[in-house]
Amino acid sequence: VFGKGSQTRSFCYVSDLVDGLYRLMQSDERYPVNLGNPREMTIL
């Protein structure tokens, strides 16, 4: 663990990310859309 481990990350399982990318490709959106998991936790 680097530092004290207090830095945060949000982890998204691959099947969720693929589903989000698929939905984005099927849409007419041409601007960036954040995909990921908003549940944040520390590295520790």
All heavy atoms as atom14 arrays in JSON, in Angstrom:
{
  "sequence": "VFGKGSQTRSFCYVSDLVDGLYRLMQSDERYPVNLGNPREMTIL",
  "atom14_mask": [
    [1, 1, 1, 1, 1, 1, 1, 0, 0, 0, 0, 0, 0, 0],
    [1, 1, 1, 1, 1, 1, 1, 1, 1, 1, 1, 0, 0, 0],
    [1, 1, 1, 1, 0, 0, 0, 0, 0, 0, 0, 0, 0, 0],
    [1, 1, 1, 1, 1, 1, 1, 1, 1, 0, 0, 0, 0, 0],
    [1, 1, 1, 1, 0, 0, 0, 0, 0, 0, 0, 0, 0, 0],
    [1, 1, 1, 1, 1, 1, 0, 0, 0, 0, 0, 0, 0, 0],
    [1, 1, 1, 1, 1, 1, 1, 1, 1, 0, 0, 0, 0, 0],
    [1, 1, 1, 1, 1, 1, 1, 0, 0, 0, 0, 0, 0, 0],
    [1, 1, 1, 1, 1, 1, 1, 1, 1, 1, 1, 0, 0, 0],
    [1, 1, 1, 1, 1, 1, 0, 0, 0, 0, 0, 0, 0, 0],
    [1, 1, 1, 1, 1, 1, 1, 1, 1, 1, 1, 0, 0, 0],
    [1, 1, 1, 1, 1, 1, 0, 0, 0, 0, 0, 0, 0, 0],
    [1, 1, 1, 1, 1, 1, 1, 1, 1, 1, 1, 1, 0, 0],
    [1, 1, 1, 1, 1, 1, 1, 0, 0, 0, 0, 0, 0, 0],
    [1, 1, 1, 1, 1, 1, 0, 0, 0, 0, 0, 0, 0, 0],
    [1, 1, 1, 1, 1, 1, 1, 1, 0, 0, 0, 0, 0, 0],
    [1, 1, 1, 1, 1, 1, 1, 1, 0, 0, 0, 0, 0, 0],
    [1, 1, 1, 1, 1, 1, 1, 0, 0, 0, 0, 0, 0, 0],
    [1, 1, 1, 1, 1, 1, 1, 1, 0, 0, 0, 0, 0, 0],
    [1, 1, 1, 1, 0, 0, 0, 0, 0, 0, 0, 0, 0, 0],
    [1, 1, 1, 1, 1, 1, 1, 1, 0, 0, 0, 0, 0, 0],
    [1, 1, 1, 1, 1, 1, 1, 1, 1, 1, 1, 1, 0, 0],
    [1, 1, 1, 1, 1, 1, 1, 1, 1, 1, 1, 0, 0, 0],
    [1, 1, 1, 1, 1, 1, 1, 1, 0, 0, 0, 0, 0, 0],
    [1, 1, 1, 1, 1, 1, 1, 1, 0, 0, 0, 0, 0, 0],
    [1, 1, 1, 1, 1, 1, 1, 1, 1, 0, 0, 0, 0, 0],
    [1, 1, 1, 1, 1, 1, 0, 0, 0, 0, 0, 0, 0, 0],
    [1, 1, 1, 1, 1, 1, 1, 1, 0, 0, 0, 0, 0, 0],
    [1, 1, 1, 1, 1, 1, 1, 1, 1, 0, 0, 0, 0, 0],
    [1, 1, 1, 1, 1, 1, 1, 1, 1, 1, 1, 0, 0, 0],
    [1, 1, 1, 1, 1, 1, 1, 1, 1, 1, 1, 1, 0, 0],
    [1, 1, 1, 1, 1, 1, 1, 0, 0, 0, 0, 0, 0, 0],
    [1, 1, 1, 1, 1, 1, 1, 0, 0, 0, 0, 0, 0, 0],
    [1, 1, 1, 1, 1, 1, 1, 1, 0, 0, 0, 0, 0, 0],
    [1, 1, 1, 1, 1, 1, 1, 1, 0, 0, 0, 0, 0, 0],
    [1, 1, 1, 1, 0, 0, 0, 0, 0, 0, 0, 0, 0, 0],
    [1, 1, 1, 1, 1, 1, 1, 1, 0, 0, 0, 0, 0, 0],
    [1, 1, 1, 1, 1, 1, 1, 0, 0, 0, 0, 0, 0, 0],
    [1, 1, 1, 1, 1, 1, 1, 1, 1, 1, 1, 0, 0, 0],
    [1, 1, 1, 1, 1, 1, 1, 1, 1, 0, 0, 0, 0, 0],
    [1, 1, 1, 1, 1, 1, 1, 1, 0, 0, 0, 0, 0, 0],
    [1, 1, 1, 1, 1, 1, 1, 0, 0, 0, 0, 0, 0, 0],
    [1, 1, 1, 1, 1, 1, 1, 1, 0, 0, 0, 0, 0, 0],
    [1, 1, 1, 1, 1, 1, 1, 1, 0, 0, 0, 0, 0, 0]
  ],
  "atom14_positions": [
    [[0.88, -1.16, 0.0], [0.0, 0.0, 0.0], [0.92, 1.22, 0.0], [1.87, 1.28, 0.77], [-0.92, 0.01, 1.25], [-1.63, 1.33, 1.39], [-1.91, -1.14, 1.18], [0.0, 0.0, 0.0], [0.0, 0.0, 0.0], [0.0, 0.0, 0.0], [0.0, 0.0, 0.0], [0.0, 0.0, 0.0], [0.0, 0.0, 0.0], [0.0, 0.0, 0.0]],
    [[0.62, 2.15, -0.88], [1.46, 3.35, -0.97], [0.91, 4.45, -0.08], [-0.3, 4.62, 0.04], [1.57, 3.8, -2.42], [2.34, 2.81, -3.26], [1.68, 1.85, -4.0], [3.73, 2.82, -3.26], [2.38, 0.93, -4.74], [4.44, 1.89, -3.99], [3.77, 0.94, -4.73], [0.0, 0.0, 0.0], [0.0, 0.0, 0.0], [0.0, 0.0, 0.0]],
    [[1.82, 5.18, 0.55], [1.43, 6.2, 1.51], [0.79, 5.54, 2.72], [1.16, 4.44, 3.11], [0.0, 0.0, 0.0], [0.0, 0.0, 0.0], [0.0, 0.0, 0.0], [0.0, 0.0, 0.0], [0.0, 0.0, 0.0], [0.0, 0.0, 0.0], [0.0, 0.0, 0.0], [0.0, 0.0, 0.0], [0.0, 0.0, 0.0], [0.0, 0.0, 0.0]],
    [[-0.2, 6.2, 3.28], [-0.93, 5.64, 4.42], [-2.14, 4.83, 3.96], [-2.86, 4.27, 4.76], [-1.37, 6.76, 5.36], [-0.22, 7.48, 6.02], [-0.7, 8.6, 6.9], [0.48, 9.34, 7.51], [0.06, 10.48, 8.3], [0.0, 0.0, 0.0], [0.0, 0.0, 0.0], [0.0, 0.0, 0.0], [0.0, 0.0, 0.0], [0.0, 0.0, 0.0]],
    [[-2.36, 4.82, 2.62], [-3.52, 4.11, 2.09], [-4.8, 4.92, 2.19], [-5.89, 4.39, 2.0], [0.0, 0.0, 0.0], [0.0, 0.0, 0.0], [0.0, 0.0, 0.0], [0.0, 0.0, 0.0], [0.0, 0.0, 0.0], [0.0, 0.0, 0.0], [0.0, 0.0, 0.0], [0.0, 0.0, 0.0], [0.0, 0.0, 0.0], [0.0, 0.0, 0.0]],
    [[-4.68, 6.21, 2.46], [-5.87, 7.04, 2.62], [-6.41, 7.57, 1.3], [-7.52, 8.11, 1.26], [-5.57, 8.21, 3.57], [-4.54, 9.03, 3.03], [0.0, 0.0, 0.0], [0.0, 0.0, 0.0], [0.0, 0.0, 0.0], [0.0, 0.0, 0.0], [0.0, 0.0, 0.0], [0.0, 0.0, 0.0], [0.0, 0.0, 0.0], [0.0, 0.0, 0.0]],
    [[-5.65, 7.4, 0.22], [-6.14, 7.82, -1.08], [-7.32, 6.93, -1.47], [-7.37, 5.77, -1.09], [-5.04, 7.81, -2.15], [-4.41, 6.49, -2.45], [-3.28, 6.09, -1.51], [-3.31, 6.37, -0.33], [-2.3, 5.37, -2.04], [0.0, 0.0, 0.0], [0.0, 0.0, 0.0], [0.0, 0.0, 0.0], [0.0, 0.0, 0.0], [0.0, 0.0, 0.0]],
    [[-8.28, 7.48, -2.18], [-9.49, 6.71, -2.48], [-9.55, 6.3, -3.94], [-8.98, 6.94, -4.81], [-10.77, 7.51, -2.14], [-10.83, 8.67, -2.97], [-10.8, 7.89, -0.67], [0.0, 0.0, 0.0], [0.0, 0.0, 0.0], [0.0, 0.0, 0.0], [0.0, 0.0, 0.0], [0.0, 0.0, 0.0], [0.0, 0.0, 0.0], [0.0, 0.0, 0.0]],
    [[-10.26, 5.21, -4.15], [-10.53, 4.7, -5.49], [-11.95, 4.17, -5.51], [-12.54, 3.87, -4.48], [-9.56, 3.57, -5.87], [-8.1, 3.95, -5.89], [-7.79, 4.99, -6.98], [-6.38, 5.32, -7.04], [-5.8, 6.32, -6.38], [-6.52, 7.08, -5.56], [-4.52, 6.55, -6.49], [0.0, 0.0, 0.0], [0.0, 0.0, 0.0], [0.0, 0.0, 0.0]],
    [[-12.46, 4.03, -6.71], [-13.79, 3.47, -6.92], [-13.62, 2.32, -7.9], [-13.1, 2.52, -9.0], [-14.74, 4.53, -7.49], [-14.86, 5.61, -6.59], [0.0, 0.0, 0.0], [0.0, 0.0, 0.0], [0.0, 0.0, 0.0], [0.0, 0.0, 0.0], [0.0, 0.0, 0.0], [0.0, 0.0, 0.0], [0.0, 0.0, 0.0], [0.0, 0.0, 0.0]],
    [[-14.05, 1.14, -7.53], [-13.84, -0.05, -8.34], [-15.14, -0.48, -9.0], [-16.18, -0.54, -8.35], [-13.28, -1.19, -7.48], [-11.95, -0.84, -6.88], [-11.87, -0.33, -5.59], [-10.79, -0.99, -7.6], [-10.65, 0.02, -5.03], [-9.56, -0.64, -7.07], [-9.49, -0.14, -5.77], [0.0, 0.0, 0.0], [0.0, 0.0, 0.0], [0.0, 0.0, 0.0]],
    [[-15.05, -0.77, -10.29], [-16.22, -1.18, -11.06], [-15.93, -2.54, -11.69], [-14.9, -2.71, -12.35], [-16.5, -0.13, -12.14], [-18.02, -0.39, -13.06], [0.0, 0.0, 0.0], [0.0, 0.0, 0.0], [0.0, 0.0, 0.0], [0.0, 0.0, 0.0], [0.0, 0.0, 0.0], [0.0, 0.0, 0.0], [0.0, 0.0, 0.0], [0.0, 0.0, 0.0]],
    [[-16.82, -3.48, -11.49], [-16.62, -4.82, -12.04], [-16.75, -4.78, -13.56], [-17.56, -4.03, -14.11], [-17.61, -5.82, -11.43], [-17.19, -7.24, -11.65], [-16.05, -7.75, -11.05], [-17.92, -8.08, -12.48], [-15.64, -9.06, -11.26], [-17.53, -9.39, -12.69], [-16.39, -9.87, -12.08], [-15.98, -11.16, -12.3], [0.0, 0.0, 0.0], [0.0, 0.0, 0.0]],
    [[-15.98, -5.58, -14.23], [-15.87, -5.53, -15.69], [-17.22, -5.72, -16.4], [-17.48, -5.05, -17.4], [-14.8, -6.53, -16.19], [-15.24, -7.96, -15.92], [-14.49, -6.3, -17.65], [0.0, 0.0, 0.0], [0.0, 0.0, 0.0], [0.0, 0.0, 0.0], [0.0, 0.0, 0.0], [0.0, 0.0, 0.0], [0.0, 0.0, 0.0], [0.0, 0.0, 0.0]],
    [[-18.08, -6.59, -15.9], [-19.37, -6.8, -16.58], [-20.22, -5.53, -16.53], [-20.94, -5.23, -17.49], [-20.12, -7.98, -15.97], [-20.41, -7.75, -14.61], [0.0, 0.0, 0.0], [0.0, 0.0, 0.0], [0.0, 0.0, 0.0], [0.0, 0.0, 0.0], [0.0, 0.0, 0.0], [0.0, 0.0, 0.0], [0.0, 0.0, 0.0], [0.0, 0.0, 0.0]],
    [[-20.13, -4.78, -15.44], [-20.85, -3.51, -15.36], [-20.28, -2.5, -16.35], [-21.03, -1.79, -17.04], [-20.77, -2.93, -13.95], [-21.68, -3.62, -12.96], [-22.71, -4.2, -13.38], [-21.38, -3.59, -11.75], [0.0, 0.0, 0.0], [0.0, 0.0, 0.0], [0.0, 0.0, 0.0], [0.0, 0.0, 0.0], [0.0, 0.0, 0.0], [0.0, 0.0, 0.0]],
    [[-18.98, -2.43, -16.43], [-18.35, -1.49, -17.35], [-18.68, -1.83, -18.8], [-18.99, -0.94, -19.59], [-16.84, -1.48, -17.13], [-16.06, -0.41, -17.89], [-16.59, 0.99, -17.58], [-14.59, -0.5, -17.56], [0.0, 0.0, 0.0], [0.0, 0.0, 0.0], [0.0, 0.0, 0.0], [0.0, 0.0, 0.0], [0.0, 0.0, 0.0], [0.0, 0.0, 0.0]],
    [[-18.63, -3.1, -19.14], [-18.97, -3.52, -20.51], [-20.42, -3.15, -20.83], [-20.71, -2.65, -21.92], [-18.71, -5.03, -20.71], [-19.32, -5.53, -22.01], [-17.22, -5.32, -20.67], [0.0, 0.0, 0.0], [0.0, 0.0, 0.0], [0.0, 0.0, 0.0], [0.0, 0.0, 0.0], [0.0, 0.0, 0.0], [0.0, 0.0, 0.0], [0.0, 0.0, 0.0]],
    [[-21.33, -3.37, -19.88], [-22.73, -3.0, -20.09], [-22.86, -1.5, -20.33], [-23.58, -1.06, -21.24], [-23.57, -3.43, -18.88], [-25.03, -3.05, -19.03], [-25.61, -3.3, -20.12], [-25.6, -2.5, -18.07], [0.0, 0.0, 0.0], [0.0, 0.0, 0.0], [0.0, 0.0, 0.0], [0.0, 0.0, 0.0], [0.0, 0.0, 0.0], [0.0, 0.0, 0.0]],
    [[-22.15, -0.69, -19.55], [-22.19, 0.76, -19.74], [-21.64, 1.18, -21.09], [-22.21, 2.04, -21.77], [0.0, 0.0, 0.0], [0.0, 0.0, 0.0], [0.0, 0.0, 0.0], [0.0, 0.0, 0.0], [0.0, 0.0, 0.0], [0.0, 0.0, 0.0], [0.0, 0.0, 0.0], [0.0, 0.0, 0.0], [0.0, 0.0, 0.0], [0.0, 0.0, 0.0]],
    [[-20.53, 0.57, -21.49], [-19.95, 0.88, -22.8], [-20.89, 0.49, -23.93], [-21.04, 1.22, -24.93], [-18.59, 0.18, -22.97], [-17.46, 0.74, -22.12], [-16.25, -0.19, -22.18], [-17.09, 2.15, -22.57], [0.0, 0.0, 0.0], [0.0, 0.0, 0.0], [0.0, 0.0, 0.0], [0.0, 0.0, 0.0], [0.0, 0.0, 0.0], [0.0, 0.0, 0.0]],
    [[-21.52, -0.66, -23.8], [-22.48, -1.12, -24.81], [-23.63, -0.13, -24.93], [-24.02, 0.27, -26.04], [-22.99, -2.52, -24.48], [-23.99, -3.03, -25.47], [-23.57, -3.49, -26.72], [-25.34, -3.02, -25.18], [-24.49, -3.94, -27.66], [-26.27, -3.47, -26.1], [-25.84, -3.92, -27.35], [-26.77, -4.35, -28.26], [0.0, 0.0, 0.0], [0.0, 0.0, 0.0]],
    [[-24.18, 0.27, -23.8], [-25.3, 1.23, -23.83], [-24.86, 2.55, -24.44], [-25.62, 3.18, -25.18], [-25.82, 1.46, -22.42], [-26.57, 0.28, -21.84], [-27.05, 0.59, -20.44], [-27.54, -0.58, -19.77], [-28.57, -0.58, -18.93], [-29.2, 0.55, -18.66], [-28.96, -1.68, -18.36], [0.0, 0.0, 0.0], [0.0, 0.0, 0.0], [0.0, 0.0, 0.0]],
    [[-23.65, 2.98, -24.13], [-23.13, 4.22, -24.7], [-22.98, 4.11, -26.22], [-23.36, 5.01, -26.96], [-21.8, 4.6, -24.05], [-21.16, 5.9, -24.51], [-22.09, 7.09, -24.29], [-19.83, 6.11, -23.78], [0.0, 0.0, 0.0], [0.0, 0.0, 0.0], [0.0, 0.0, 0.0], [0.0, 0.0, 0.0], [0.0, 0.0, 0.0], [0.0, 0.0, 0.0]],
    [[-22.46, 2.98, -26.68], [-22.31, 2.78, -28.14], [-23.65, 2.75, -28.85], [-23.75, 3.17, -30.0], [-21.53, 1.49, -28.42], [-20.07, 1.58, -28.08], [-19.13, 0.13, -28.59], [-19.91, -1.17, -27.69], [0.0, 0.0, 0.0], [0.0, 0.0, 0.0], [0.0, 0.0, 0.0], [0.0, 0.0, 0.0], [0.0, 0.0, 0.0], [0.0, 0.0, 0.0]],
    [[-24.69, 2.28, -28.18], [-26.02, 2.21, -28.78], [-26.75, 3.55, -28.74], [-27.77, 3.72, -29.39], [-26.86, 1.14, -28.07], [-26.31, -0.27, -28.18], [-26.21, -0.73, -29.63], [-27.17, -0.64, -30.39], [-25.04, -1.21, -30.02], [0.0, 0.0, 0.0], [0.0, 0.0, 0.0], [0.0, 0.0, 0.0], [0.0, 0.0, 0.0], [0.0, 0.0, 0.0]],
    [[-26.23, 4.49, -27.98], [-26.88, 5.79, -27.85], [-26.38, 6.75, -28.93], [-25.45, 6.44, -29.68], [-26.59, 6.39, -26.47], [-25.29, 6.93, -26.41], [0.0, 0.0, 0.0], [0.0, 0.0, 0.0], [0.0, 0.0, 0.0], [0.0, 0.0, 0.0], [0.0, 0.0, 0.0], [0.0, 0.0, 0.0], [0.0, 0.0, 0.0], [0.0, 0.0, 0.0]],
    [[-26.99, 7.9, -28.99], [-26.57, 8.95, -29.93], [-25.61, 9.94, -29.28], [-25.24, 10.93, -29.91], [-27.8, 9.71, -30.45], [-28.69, 8.84, -31.32], [-28.16, 7.96, -32.03], [-29.93, 9.05, -31.29], [0.0, 0.0, 0.0], [0.0, 0.0, 0.0], [0.0, 0.0, 0.0], [0.0, 0.0, 0.0], [0.0, 0.0, 0.0], [0.0, 0.0, 0.0]],
    [[-25.22, 9.68, -28.04], [-24.34, 10.6, -27.31], [-22.97, 10.67, -27.97], [-22.38, 9.63, -28.31], [-24.19, 10.16, -25.86], [-23.39, 11.1, -25.0], [-23.98, 12.5, -24.93], [-25.22, 12.64, -24.89], [-23.19, 13.46, -24.93], [0.0, 0.0, 0.0], [0.0, 0.0, 0.0], [0.0, 0.0, 0.0], [0.0, 0.0, 0.0], [0.0, 0.0, 0.0]],
    [[-22.47, 11.87, -28.16], [-21.15, 12.02, -28.77], [-20.16, 12.72, -27.84], [-19.03, 12.98, -28.21], [-21.24, 12.76, -30.1], [-21.87, 14.11, -30.03], [-22.1, 14.68, -31.43], [-22.58, 16.02, -31.34], [-21.87, 17.1, -31.65], [-20.65, 16.96, -32.11], [-22.37, 18.29, -31.51], [0.0, 0.0, 0.0], [0.0, 0.0, 0.0], [0.0, 0.0, 0.0]],
    [[-20.59, 13.0, -26.63], [-19.73, 13.63, -25.65], [-19.38, 12.62, -24.55], [-20.06, 11.62, -24.38], [-20.4, 14.87, -25.06], [-20.58, 15.96, -26.09], [-21.83, 16.23, -26.64], [-19.48, 16.7, -26.54], [-21.99, 17.2, -27.6], [-19.64, 17.68, -27.51], [-20.89, 17.92, -28.03], [-21.04, 18.89, -29.0], [0.0, 0.0, 0.0], [0.0, 0.0, 0.0]],
    [[-18.33, 12.91, -23.8], [-17.91, 11.95, -22.76], [-19.0, 11.67, -21.72], [-19.77, 12.55, -21.36], [-16.71, 12.66, -22.1], [-16.2, 13.61, -23.13], [-17.42, 14.05, -23.89], [0.0, 0.0, 0.0], [0.0, 0.0, 0.0], [0.0, 0.0, 0.0], [0.0, 0.0, 0.0], [0.0, 0.0, 0.0], [0.0, 0.0, 0.0], [0.0, 0.0, 0.0]],
    [[-19.02, 10.42, -21.28], [-19.92, 9.97, -20.23], [-19.09, 9.16, -19.25], [-18.42, 8.2, -19.65], [-21.07, 9.09, -20.8], [-21.93, 8.54, -19.68], [-21.91, 9.86, -21.81], [0.0, 0.0, 0.0], [0.0, 0.0, 0.0], [0.0, 0.0, 0.0], [0.0, 0.0, 0.0], [0.0, 0.0, 0.0], [0.0, 0.0, 0.0], [0.0, 0.0, 0.0]],
    [[-19.1, 9.54, -17.99], [-18.36, 8.79, -16.98], [-19.04, 7.47, -16.69], [-20.25, 7.43, -16.45], [-18.27, 9.57, -15.66], [-17.26, 10.69, -15.7], [-16.34, 10.68, -16.5], [-17.43, 11.66, -14.83], [0.0, 0.0, 0.0], [0.0, 0.0, 0.0], [0.0, 0.0, 0.0], [0.0, 0.0, 0.0], [0.0, 0.0, 0.0], [0.0, 0.0, 0.0]],
    [[-18.27, 6.42, -16.73], [-18.73, 5.1, -16.31], [-17.82, 4.65, -15.19], [-16.6, 4.85, -15.24], [-18.65, 4.1, -17.47], [-19.5, 4.4, -18.69], [-19.18, 3.43, -19.81], [-20.97, 4.36, -18.34], [0.0, 0.0, 0.0], [0.0, 0.0, 0.0], [0.0, 0.0, 0.0], [0.0, 0.0, 0.0], [0.0, 0.0, 0.0], [0.0, 0.0, 0.0]],
    [[-18.36, 4.03, -14.21], [-17.58, 3.58, -13.07], [-18.5, 3.41, -11.89], [-19.72, 3.53, -12.0], [0.0, 0.0, 0.0], [0.0, 0.0, 0.0], [0.0, 0.0, 0.0], [0.0, 0.0, 0.0], [0.0, 0.0, 0.0], [0.0, 0.0, 0.0], [0.0, 0.0, 0.0], [0.0, 0.0, 0.0], [0.0, 0.0, 0.0], [0.0, 0.0, 0.0]],
    [[-17.91, 3.13, -10.76], [-18.7, 2.94, -9.56], [-18.46, 4.12, -8.63], [-17.33, 4.37, -8.24], [-18.3, 1.64, -8.87], [-19.27, 1.23, -7.81], [-19.85, 2.08, -7.13], [-19.46, -0.06, -7.64], [0.0, 0.0, 0.0], [0.0, 0.0, 0.0], [0.0, 0.0, 0.0], [0.0, 0.0, 0.0], [0.0, 0.0, 0.0], [0.0, 0.0, 0.0]],
    [[-19.51, 4.84, -8.24], [-19.31, 5.99, -7.38], [-19.01, 5.62, -5.92], [-18.69, 6.49, -5.12], [-20.63, 6.76, -7.48], [-21.63, 5.73, -7.84], [-20.89, 4.71, -8.67], [0.0, 0.0, 0.0], [0.0, 0.0, 0.0], [0.0, 0.0, 0.0], [0.0, 0.0, 0.0], [0.0, 0.0, 0.0], [0.0, 0.0, 0.0], [0.0, 0.0, 0.0]],
    [[-19.08, 4.32, -5.58], [-18.75, 3.92, -4.2], [-17.24, 4.03, -4.01], [-16.46, 3.31, -4.62], [-19.19, 2.49, -3.93], [-18.87, 2.06, -2.51], [-19.38, 0.66, -2.2], [-18.97, 0.29, -0.86], [-17.96, -0.52, -0.59], [-17.26, -1.07, -1.56], [-17.65, -0.81, 0.66], [0.0, 0.0, 0.0], [0.0, 0.0, 0.0], [0.0, 0.0, 0.0]],
    [[-16.87, 4.92, -3.17], [-15.46, 5.25, -2.95], [-14.97, 4.56, -1.67], [-15.71, 4.43, -0.7], [-15.38, 6.77, -2.79], [-14.04, 7.37, -2.78], [-14.14, 8.89, -2.71], [-15.12, 9.43, -2.18], [-13.2, 9.53, -3.17], [0.0, 0.0, 0.0], [0.0, 0.0, 0.0], [0.0, 0.0, 0.0], [0.0, 0.0, 0.0], [0.0, 0.0, 0.0]],
    [[-13.72, 4.1, -1.71], [-13.11, 3.51, -0.51], [-11.62, 3.81, -0.53], [-11.05, 4.09, -1.59], [-13.37, 2.0, -0.45], [-12.68, 1.2, -1.52], [-13.16, -0.55, -1.6], [-13.18, -1.06, 0.06], [0.0, 0.0, 0.0], [0.0, 0.0, 0.0], [0.0, 0.0, 0.0], [0.0, 0.0, 0.0], [0.0, 0.0, 0.0], [0.0, 0.0, 0.0]],
    [[-11.0, 3.72, 0.63], [-9.56, 3.96, 0.67], [-8.82, 2.72, 0.17], [-9.34, 1.6, 0.21], [-9.07, 4.3, 2.09], [-9.17, 3.14, 2.91], [-9.83, 5.48, 2.68], [0.0, 0.0, 0.0], [0.0, 0.0, 0.0], [0.0, 0.0, 0.0], [0.0, 0.0, 0.0], [0.0, 0.0, 0.0], [0.0, 0.0, 0.0], [0.0, 0.0, 0.0]],
    [[-7.61, 2.94, -0.26], [-6.77, 1.83, -0.71], [-6.51, 0.87, 0.45], [-6.49, -0.35, 0.26], [-5.45, 2.36, -1.31], [-5.72, 3.08, -2.63], [-4.43, 1.26, -1.49], [-6.27, 2.2, -3.74], [0.0, 0.0, 0.0], [0.0, 0.0, 0.0], [0.0, 0.0, 0.0], [0.0, 0.0, 0.0], [0.0, 0.0, 0.0], [0.0, 0.0, 0.0]],
    [[-6.34, 1.4, 1.65], [-6.13, 0.53, 2.81], [-7.37, -0.34, 3.06], [-7.25, -1.53, 3.32], [-5.78, 1.35, 4.05], [-5.47, 0.56, 5.31], [-4.34, -0.45, 5.07], [-5.12, 1.5, 6.46], [0.0, 0.0, 0.0], [0.0, 0.0, 0.0], [0.0, 0.0, 0.0], [0.0, 0.0, 0.0], [0.0, 0.0, 0.0], [0.0, 0.0, 0.0]]
  ]
}
